N, C-alpha and C. Protein backbone atom coordinates (compact mmCIF):
# COMPACT_ATOMS: atom_id res chain seq x y z
N MET A 1 38.36 49.59 90.26
CA MET A 1 38.67 48.47 89.39
C MET A 1 39.14 47.31 90.27
N ASP A 2 38.59 46.15 90.04
CA ASP A 2 38.96 45.00 90.87
C ASP A 2 40.30 44.42 90.42
N LEU A 3 40.88 43.60 91.27
CA LEU A 3 42.23 43.09 91.05
C LEU A 3 42.38 42.27 89.77
N PRO A 4 41.48 41.34 89.42
CA PRO A 4 41.67 40.60 88.18
C PRO A 4 41.70 41.50 86.94
N GLN A 5 40.83 42.49 86.92
CA GLN A 5 40.82 43.40 85.78
C GLN A 5 42.08 44.26 85.76
N LEU A 6 42.56 44.66 86.91
CA LEU A 6 43.80 45.43 87.00
C LEU A 6 44.98 44.60 86.50
N LEU A 7 44.99 43.31 86.83
CA LEU A 7 46.03 42.42 86.34
C LEU A 7 45.96 42.25 84.83
N LEU A 8 44.75 42.20 84.27
CA LEU A 8 44.61 42.11 82.82
C LEU A 8 45.12 43.37 82.12
N VAL A 9 44.83 44.52 82.71
CA VAL A 9 45.36 45.78 82.15
C VAL A 9 46.89 45.74 82.19
N GLY A 10 47.45 45.30 83.32
CA GLY A 10 48.90 45.19 83.43
C GLY A 10 49.47 44.23 82.39
N LEU A 11 48.77 43.14 82.12
CA LEU A 11 49.21 42.18 81.11
C LEU A 11 49.20 42.79 79.71
N VAL A 12 48.15 43.56 79.41
CA VAL A 12 48.10 44.24 78.10
C VAL A 12 49.25 45.23 77.98
N LEU A 13 49.53 45.98 79.05
CA LEU A 13 50.65 46.92 79.02
C LEU A 13 51.97 46.19 78.84
N LEU A 14 52.14 45.08 79.52
CA LEU A 14 53.36 44.29 79.38
C LEU A 14 53.50 43.73 77.96
N LEU A 15 52.41 43.24 77.40
CA LEU A 15 52.44 42.76 76.02
C LEU A 15 52.79 43.89 75.05
N GLY A 16 52.32 45.09 75.35
CA GLY A 16 52.66 46.23 74.52
C GLY A 16 54.15 46.55 74.57
N VAL A 17 54.73 46.51 75.76
CA VAL A 17 56.17 46.78 75.90
C VAL A 17 56.98 45.71 75.15
N VAL A 18 56.58 44.46 75.30
CA VAL A 18 57.27 43.38 74.57
C VAL A 18 57.02 43.53 73.07
N GLY A 19 55.82 43.96 72.71
CA GLY A 19 55.48 44.13 71.29
C GLY A 19 56.31 45.18 70.59
N VAL A 20 56.81 46.15 71.34
CA VAL A 20 57.69 47.16 70.74
C VAL A 20 58.94 46.50 70.16
N LEU A 21 59.40 45.44 70.80
CA LEU A 21 60.62 44.77 70.38
C LEU A 21 60.41 43.79 69.23
N ILE A 22 59.16 43.44 68.94
CA ILE A 22 58.86 42.46 67.90
C ILE A 22 58.32 43.19 66.68
N PRO A 23 59.00 43.08 65.55
CA PRO A 23 58.54 43.77 64.33
C PRO A 23 57.13 43.30 63.94
N GLY A 24 56.30 44.25 63.57
CA GLY A 24 54.95 43.93 63.14
C GLY A 24 53.91 43.95 64.23
N VAL A 25 54.32 43.98 65.49
CA VAL A 25 53.37 44.03 66.60
C VAL A 25 53.20 45.49 67.01
N PRO A 26 51.96 45.96 67.10
CA PRO A 26 51.73 47.37 67.46
C PRO A 26 51.87 47.60 68.96
N GLY A 27 53.07 47.51 69.46
CA GLY A 27 53.31 47.61 70.90
C GLY A 27 52.86 48.92 71.50
N THR A 28 53.15 50.02 70.82
CA THR A 28 52.77 51.33 71.33
C THR A 28 51.26 51.44 71.46
N TRP A 29 50.56 50.94 70.49
CA TRP A 29 49.10 51.03 70.53
C TRP A 29 48.50 50.08 71.56
N LEU A 30 49.15 48.96 71.82
CA LEU A 30 48.69 48.09 72.90
C LEU A 30 48.84 48.78 74.25
N VAL A 31 49.94 49.47 74.45
CA VAL A 31 50.14 50.22 75.69
C VAL A 31 49.05 51.28 75.83
N TRP A 32 48.79 52.00 74.76
CA TRP A 32 47.77 53.04 74.80
C TRP A 32 46.39 52.45 75.06
N ALA A 33 46.08 51.34 74.40
CA ALA A 33 44.76 50.70 74.59
C ALA A 33 44.59 50.20 76.02
N GLY A 34 45.64 49.64 76.61
CA GLY A 34 45.56 49.21 78.00
C GLY A 34 45.32 50.37 78.93
N LEU A 35 45.98 51.48 78.67
CA LEU A 35 45.79 52.67 79.50
C LEU A 35 44.39 53.24 79.32
N LEU A 36 43.88 53.23 78.10
CA LEU A 36 42.52 53.68 77.84
C LEU A 36 41.51 52.81 78.59
N TRP A 37 41.70 51.51 78.55
CA TRP A 37 40.82 50.58 79.25
C TRP A 37 40.79 50.92 80.75
N TRP A 38 41.98 51.14 81.31
CA TRP A 38 42.08 51.47 82.73
C TRP A 38 41.38 52.80 83.04
N ALA A 39 41.62 53.81 82.21
CA ALA A 39 41.04 55.14 82.46
C ALA A 39 39.52 55.11 82.34
N LEU A 40 38.99 54.33 81.41
CA LEU A 40 37.54 54.25 81.25
C LEU A 40 36.86 53.58 82.44
N HIS A 41 37.59 52.69 83.12
CA HIS A 41 37.01 52.02 84.28
C HIS A 41 37.25 52.76 85.60
N VAL A 42 38.39 53.42 85.71
CA VAL A 42 38.71 54.11 86.96
C VAL A 42 38.01 55.47 87.04
N ARG A 43 38.02 56.22 85.96
CA ARG A 43 37.34 57.51 85.84
C ARG A 43 37.71 58.52 86.92
N THR A 44 39.00 58.69 87.13
CA THR A 44 39.47 59.72 88.05
C THR A 44 40.24 60.77 87.26
N ALA A 45 40.48 61.90 87.89
CA ALA A 45 41.24 62.96 87.24
C ALA A 45 42.66 62.49 86.92
N THR A 46 43.22 61.70 87.82
CA THR A 46 44.57 61.17 87.59
C THR A 46 44.59 60.26 86.37
N ALA A 47 43.59 59.40 86.26
CA ALA A 47 43.54 58.47 85.13
C ALA A 47 43.40 59.22 83.81
N TRP A 48 42.52 60.21 83.77
CA TRP A 48 42.32 60.96 82.54
C TRP A 48 43.56 61.81 82.19
N SER A 49 44.18 62.39 83.20
CA SER A 49 45.40 63.17 82.96
C SER A 49 46.51 62.28 82.41
N LEU A 50 46.64 61.10 82.99
CA LEU A 50 47.66 60.17 82.51
C LEU A 50 47.37 59.73 81.08
N LEU A 51 46.11 59.48 80.77
CA LEU A 51 45.74 59.08 79.41
C LEU A 51 46.06 60.19 78.41
N VAL A 52 45.74 61.43 78.75
CA VAL A 52 46.01 62.55 77.85
C VAL A 52 47.51 62.72 77.66
N ALA A 53 48.28 62.68 78.75
CA ALA A 53 49.73 62.83 78.65
C ALA A 53 50.35 61.69 77.85
N ALA A 54 49.88 60.47 78.10
CA ALA A 54 50.41 59.31 77.38
C ALA A 54 50.06 59.39 75.90
N THR A 55 48.85 59.83 75.59
CA THR A 55 48.46 59.98 74.18
C THR A 55 49.37 60.98 73.47
N ALA A 56 49.62 62.10 74.11
CA ALA A 56 50.50 63.11 73.51
C ALA A 56 51.91 62.56 73.33
N LEU A 57 52.44 61.90 74.36
CA LEU A 57 53.79 61.35 74.27
C LEU A 57 53.89 60.30 73.18
N LEU A 58 52.94 59.38 73.11
CA LEU A 58 53.01 58.31 72.13
C LEU A 58 52.81 58.83 70.71
N LEU A 59 52.02 59.88 70.53
CA LEU A 59 51.90 60.49 69.20
C LEU A 59 53.19 61.19 68.79
N VAL A 60 53.82 61.88 69.73
CA VAL A 60 55.11 62.51 69.44
C VAL A 60 56.15 61.46 69.06
N VAL A 61 56.13 60.33 69.75
CA VAL A 61 57.08 59.25 69.45
C VAL A 61 56.85 58.72 68.04
N GLN A 62 55.60 58.61 67.61
CA GLN A 62 55.33 58.14 66.26
C GLN A 62 55.91 59.11 65.22
N VAL A 63 55.81 60.40 65.49
CA VAL A 63 56.38 61.40 64.58
C VAL A 63 57.91 61.31 64.59
N VAL A 64 58.49 61.17 65.77
CA VAL A 64 59.96 61.07 65.87
C VAL A 64 60.45 59.84 65.13
N LYS A 65 59.77 58.71 65.28
CA LYS A 65 60.16 57.49 64.57
C LYS A 65 60.09 57.70 63.06
N TRP A 66 59.11 58.43 62.61
CA TRP A 66 58.95 58.68 61.19
C TRP A 66 60.08 59.57 60.67
N LEU A 67 60.57 60.47 61.52
CA LEU A 67 61.65 61.38 61.11
C LEU A 67 63.03 60.74 61.17
N LEU A 68 63.17 59.63 61.91
CA LEU A 68 64.47 58.96 62.00
C LEU A 68 64.78 58.27 60.68
N PRO A 69 66.06 58.04 60.40
CA PRO A 69 66.42 57.36 59.15
C PRO A 69 65.75 55.98 59.08
N PRO A 70 65.48 55.51 57.86
CA PRO A 70 64.84 54.20 57.72
C PRO A 70 65.73 53.07 58.23
N ARG A 71 65.08 52.00 58.60
CA ARG A 71 65.80 50.84 59.14
C ARG A 71 66.51 50.09 58.03
N ARG A 72 67.76 49.72 58.31
CA ARG A 72 68.55 48.92 57.38
C ARG A 72 69.06 47.71 58.16
N VAL A 73 68.28 46.64 58.18
CA VAL A 73 68.62 45.52 59.05
C VAL A 73 69.34 44.37 58.35
N ARG A 74 69.35 44.37 57.06
CA ARG A 74 70.00 43.25 56.36
C ARG A 74 71.49 43.24 56.62
N GLY A 75 72.00 42.07 56.92
CA GLY A 75 73.44 41.89 57.10
C GLY A 75 73.97 42.28 58.47
N LEU A 76 73.11 42.63 59.40
CA LEU A 76 73.59 43.04 60.73
C LEU A 76 73.60 41.90 61.73
N GLY A 77 72.91 40.84 61.43
CA GLY A 77 72.89 39.70 62.35
C GLY A 77 72.01 39.92 63.57
N ILE A 78 70.95 40.70 63.40
CA ILE A 78 70.03 40.93 64.52
C ILE A 78 69.18 39.67 64.68
N THR A 79 69.28 39.08 65.86
CA THR A 79 68.57 37.84 66.14
C THR A 79 67.52 38.06 67.23
N SER A 80 66.68 37.07 67.40
CA SER A 80 65.69 37.17 68.48
C SER A 80 66.38 37.17 69.84
N ARG A 81 67.53 36.51 69.90
CA ARG A 81 68.30 36.50 71.15
C ARG A 81 68.77 37.92 71.49
N MET A 82 69.24 38.65 70.48
CA MET A 82 69.69 40.02 70.71
C MET A 82 68.53 40.90 71.14
N VAL A 83 67.37 40.72 70.53
CA VAL A 83 66.19 41.49 70.89
C VAL A 83 65.81 41.21 72.35
N ALA A 84 65.88 39.94 72.74
CA ALA A 84 65.56 39.56 74.12
C ALA A 84 66.55 40.19 75.11
N PHE A 85 67.83 40.15 74.78
CA PHE A 85 68.84 40.76 75.65
C PHE A 85 68.63 42.27 75.76
N ALA A 86 68.36 42.93 74.62
CA ALA A 86 68.17 44.38 74.63
C ALA A 86 66.93 44.77 75.42
N GLY A 87 65.84 44.05 75.20
CA GLY A 87 64.60 44.35 75.93
C GLY A 87 64.74 44.11 77.42
N THR A 88 65.36 43.00 77.78
CA THR A 88 65.58 42.70 79.20
C THR A 88 66.48 43.75 79.84
N GLY A 89 67.52 44.14 79.12
CA GLY A 89 68.42 45.17 79.63
C GLY A 89 67.70 46.50 79.84
N ALA A 90 66.83 46.86 78.91
CA ALA A 90 66.09 48.13 79.04
C ALA A 90 65.14 48.09 80.22
N VAL A 91 64.42 46.99 80.38
CA VAL A 91 63.48 46.88 81.50
C VAL A 91 64.23 46.87 82.84
N LEU A 92 65.31 46.11 82.92
CA LEU A 92 66.10 46.08 84.16
C LEU A 92 66.72 47.44 84.45
N GLY A 93 67.25 48.08 83.42
CA GLY A 93 67.82 49.42 83.61
C GLY A 93 66.78 50.41 84.07
N PHE A 94 65.57 50.32 83.50
CA PHE A 94 64.48 51.23 83.88
C PHE A 94 64.07 50.99 85.33
N ALA A 95 64.11 49.74 85.77
CA ALA A 95 63.72 49.42 87.15
C ALA A 95 64.83 49.80 88.15
N LEU A 96 66.08 49.59 87.76
CA LEU A 96 67.19 49.86 88.68
C LEU A 96 67.49 51.35 88.82
N VAL A 97 67.50 52.05 87.70
CA VAL A 97 67.72 53.50 87.70
C VAL A 97 66.51 54.10 86.97
N PRO A 98 65.45 54.43 87.70
CA PRO A 98 64.20 54.84 87.05
C PRO A 98 64.39 55.87 85.95
N VAL A 99 63.69 55.63 84.89
CA VAL A 99 63.61 56.42 83.67
C VAL A 99 64.91 56.37 82.86
N VAL A 100 65.98 56.96 83.34
CA VAL A 100 67.20 57.07 82.53
C VAL A 100 67.95 55.75 82.38
N GLY A 101 67.68 54.78 83.21
CA GLY A 101 68.39 53.51 83.14
C GLY A 101 68.01 52.66 81.94
N ALA A 102 66.89 52.99 81.28
CA ALA A 102 66.45 52.19 80.13
C ALA A 102 67.44 52.29 78.97
N VAL A 103 68.02 53.45 78.76
CA VAL A 103 68.92 53.63 77.62
C VAL A 103 70.20 52.81 77.79
N PRO A 104 70.94 52.98 78.90
CA PRO A 104 72.14 52.14 79.03
C PRO A 104 71.81 50.65 79.17
N GLY A 105 70.66 50.33 79.72
CA GLY A 105 70.26 48.93 79.82
C GLY A 105 70.03 48.32 78.45
N PHE A 106 69.40 49.06 77.55
CA PHE A 106 69.14 48.61 76.19
C PHE A 106 70.46 48.37 75.45
N VAL A 107 71.33 49.36 75.48
CA VAL A 107 72.62 49.25 74.81
C VAL A 107 73.47 48.16 75.46
N GLY A 108 73.43 48.08 76.79
CA GLY A 108 74.18 47.04 77.50
C GLY A 108 73.70 45.64 77.16
N GLY A 109 72.39 45.48 76.97
CA GLY A 109 71.86 44.18 76.58
C GLY A 109 72.36 43.76 75.21
N ILE A 110 72.39 44.69 74.26
CA ILE A 110 72.93 44.38 72.93
C ILE A 110 74.41 44.04 73.04
N TYR A 111 75.14 44.83 73.83
CA TYR A 111 76.57 44.58 73.98
C TYR A 111 76.83 43.20 74.59
N LEU A 112 76.10 42.85 75.64
CA LEU A 112 76.29 41.55 76.28
C LEU A 112 76.03 40.40 75.30
N CYS A 113 74.96 40.53 74.54
CA CYS A 113 74.66 39.49 73.55
C CYS A 113 75.77 39.37 72.52
N GLU A 114 76.24 40.49 72.03
CA GLU A 114 77.30 40.47 71.02
C GLU A 114 78.64 40.03 71.61
N ARG A 115 78.90 40.38 72.84
CA ARG A 115 80.14 39.95 73.48
C ARG A 115 80.16 38.43 73.64
N LEU A 116 79.01 37.87 74.02
CA LEU A 116 78.92 36.41 74.14
C LEU A 116 79.05 35.74 72.78
N ARG A 117 78.52 36.36 71.74
CA ARG A 117 78.55 35.78 70.40
C ARG A 117 79.92 35.93 69.74
N LEU A 118 80.50 37.12 69.84
CA LEU A 118 81.73 37.42 69.12
C LEU A 118 83.01 37.21 69.93
N GLY A 119 82.92 37.38 71.23
CA GLY A 119 84.07 37.09 72.09
C GLY A 119 84.94 38.25 72.49
N THR A 120 85.15 39.24 71.63
CA THR A 120 86.06 40.33 72.01
C THR A 120 85.29 41.64 72.16
N HIS A 121 85.87 42.54 72.95
CA HIS A 121 85.24 43.83 73.21
C HIS A 121 85.12 44.65 71.93
N GLY A 122 86.18 44.71 71.15
CA GLY A 122 86.20 45.54 69.94
C GLY A 122 85.14 45.12 68.94
N GLU A 123 85.04 43.83 68.67
CA GLU A 123 84.05 43.35 67.72
C GLU A 123 82.63 43.57 68.24
N ALA A 124 82.44 43.31 69.54
CA ALA A 124 81.11 43.49 70.13
C ALA A 124 80.69 44.96 70.07
N TRP A 125 81.60 45.86 70.38
CA TRP A 125 81.26 47.27 70.38
C TRP A 125 80.99 47.77 68.96
N ALA A 126 81.74 47.29 67.98
CA ALA A 126 81.49 47.66 66.58
C ALA A 126 80.10 47.18 66.14
N SER A 127 79.73 46.00 66.59
CA SER A 127 78.41 45.47 66.25
C SER A 127 77.31 46.28 66.93
N VAL A 128 77.53 46.69 68.17
CA VAL A 128 76.54 47.50 68.89
C VAL A 128 76.33 48.82 68.15
N ARG A 129 77.39 49.45 67.72
CA ARG A 129 77.28 50.72 66.99
C ARG A 129 76.50 50.53 65.69
N ALA A 130 76.77 49.45 64.97
CA ALA A 130 76.06 49.20 63.72
C ALA A 130 74.58 48.94 63.96
N VAL A 131 74.28 48.17 64.98
CA VAL A 131 72.87 47.87 65.30
C VAL A 131 72.14 49.14 65.73
N MET A 132 72.77 49.94 66.58
CA MET A 132 72.13 51.16 67.05
C MET A 132 71.90 52.15 65.90
N ARG A 133 72.82 52.21 64.96
CA ARG A 133 72.63 53.09 63.81
C ARG A 133 71.46 52.62 62.95
N ALA A 134 71.33 51.32 62.78
CA ALA A 134 70.32 50.78 61.88
C ALA A 134 68.93 50.77 62.48
N VAL A 135 68.76 50.18 63.63
CA VAL A 135 67.41 50.02 64.19
C VAL A 135 67.30 50.43 65.64
N GLY A 136 68.40 50.48 66.33
CA GLY A 136 68.35 50.68 67.77
C GLY A 136 67.72 51.98 68.19
N THR A 137 67.98 53.04 67.48
CA THR A 137 67.48 54.34 67.89
C THR A 137 65.96 54.39 67.84
N SER A 138 65.37 53.93 66.75
CA SER A 138 63.90 54.00 66.65
C SER A 138 63.23 53.05 67.64
N VAL A 139 63.79 51.87 67.83
CA VAL A 139 63.23 50.94 68.81
C VAL A 139 63.40 51.50 70.21
N LEU A 140 64.56 52.07 70.49
CA LEU A 140 64.82 52.62 71.81
C LEU A 140 63.88 53.78 72.14
N VAL A 141 63.62 54.64 71.18
CA VAL A 141 62.71 55.77 71.40
C VAL A 141 61.32 55.26 71.75
N GLU A 142 60.84 54.29 70.98
CA GLU A 142 59.51 53.75 71.22
C GLU A 142 59.44 52.98 72.54
N LEU A 143 60.46 52.17 72.82
CA LEU A 143 60.49 51.40 74.06
C LEU A 143 60.56 52.32 75.27
N PHE A 144 61.37 53.35 75.20
CA PHE A 144 61.52 54.30 76.30
C PHE A 144 60.18 54.98 76.60
N ALA A 145 59.47 55.41 75.56
CA ALA A 145 58.18 56.06 75.76
C ALA A 145 57.17 55.10 76.39
N CYS A 146 57.15 53.87 75.92
CA CYS A 146 56.21 52.89 76.49
C CYS A 146 56.56 52.58 77.94
N LEU A 147 57.84 52.48 78.25
CA LEU A 147 58.24 52.25 79.63
C LEU A 147 57.86 53.43 80.53
N LEU A 148 57.97 54.65 80.01
CA LEU A 148 57.54 55.82 80.78
C LEU A 148 56.04 55.76 81.09
N VAL A 149 55.26 55.39 80.08
CA VAL A 149 53.81 55.30 80.27
C VAL A 149 53.47 54.21 81.28
N VAL A 150 54.09 53.05 81.14
CA VAL A 150 53.81 51.94 82.07
C VAL A 150 54.27 52.31 83.48
N GLY A 151 55.42 52.94 83.59
CA GLY A 151 55.90 53.38 84.90
C GLY A 151 54.96 54.38 85.55
N ALA A 152 54.43 55.32 84.76
CA ALA A 152 53.48 56.29 85.30
C ALA A 152 52.19 55.59 85.71
N TRP A 153 51.76 54.60 84.93
CA TRP A 153 50.55 53.84 85.29
C TRP A 153 50.75 53.10 86.62
N VAL A 154 51.91 52.44 86.76
CA VAL A 154 52.19 51.72 88.02
C VAL A 154 52.17 52.70 89.19
N GLY A 155 52.78 53.87 89.00
CA GLY A 155 52.75 54.89 90.04
C GLY A 155 51.35 55.34 90.39
N ALA A 156 50.50 55.52 89.37
CA ALA A 156 49.12 55.95 89.62
C ALA A 156 48.33 54.86 90.33
N VAL A 157 48.55 53.60 89.95
CA VAL A 157 47.82 52.49 90.59
C VAL A 157 48.25 52.35 92.05
N VAL A 158 49.53 52.47 92.31
CA VAL A 158 50.03 52.34 93.68
C VAL A 158 49.54 53.51 94.54
N ALA A 159 49.44 54.69 93.95
CA ALA A 159 49.03 55.88 94.69
C ALA A 159 47.55 55.88 95.04
N GLN A 160 46.75 55.06 94.37
CA GLN A 160 45.30 55.03 94.65
C GLN A 160 44.98 54.46 95.99
């Protein structure tokens, strides 16, 4: 696969990760479609293995999201700024402490946003708990799975 096409696949994967954070955007499916595009062009055992593993993981995540309690977002004050902070925190956490850093990065991003908005630790932490109970868990599960898939793809591309 040539470099421009590889960059386009990376862009689709990045849009998928960002899409997980935006309601109504099929982020998980964008990540899967980007990986499928890559596997169809590369045609190696590694590419096909990664596609199969990613398909299984992303399907399991869809089931887990369905089993989680429904989202209750009214009255929580979830803003696009909070979503940006949480997503940035998850990506930075994933990059700084591979794999497990996404979870504290996500929660830390929400906390930082709320601390800046509310001013005190107690109020910010209460808001973080409310947000995580309402929507954070399902978004975090989906974001974590997509980051795992993208991280595995980056590893496979670098290893080639």
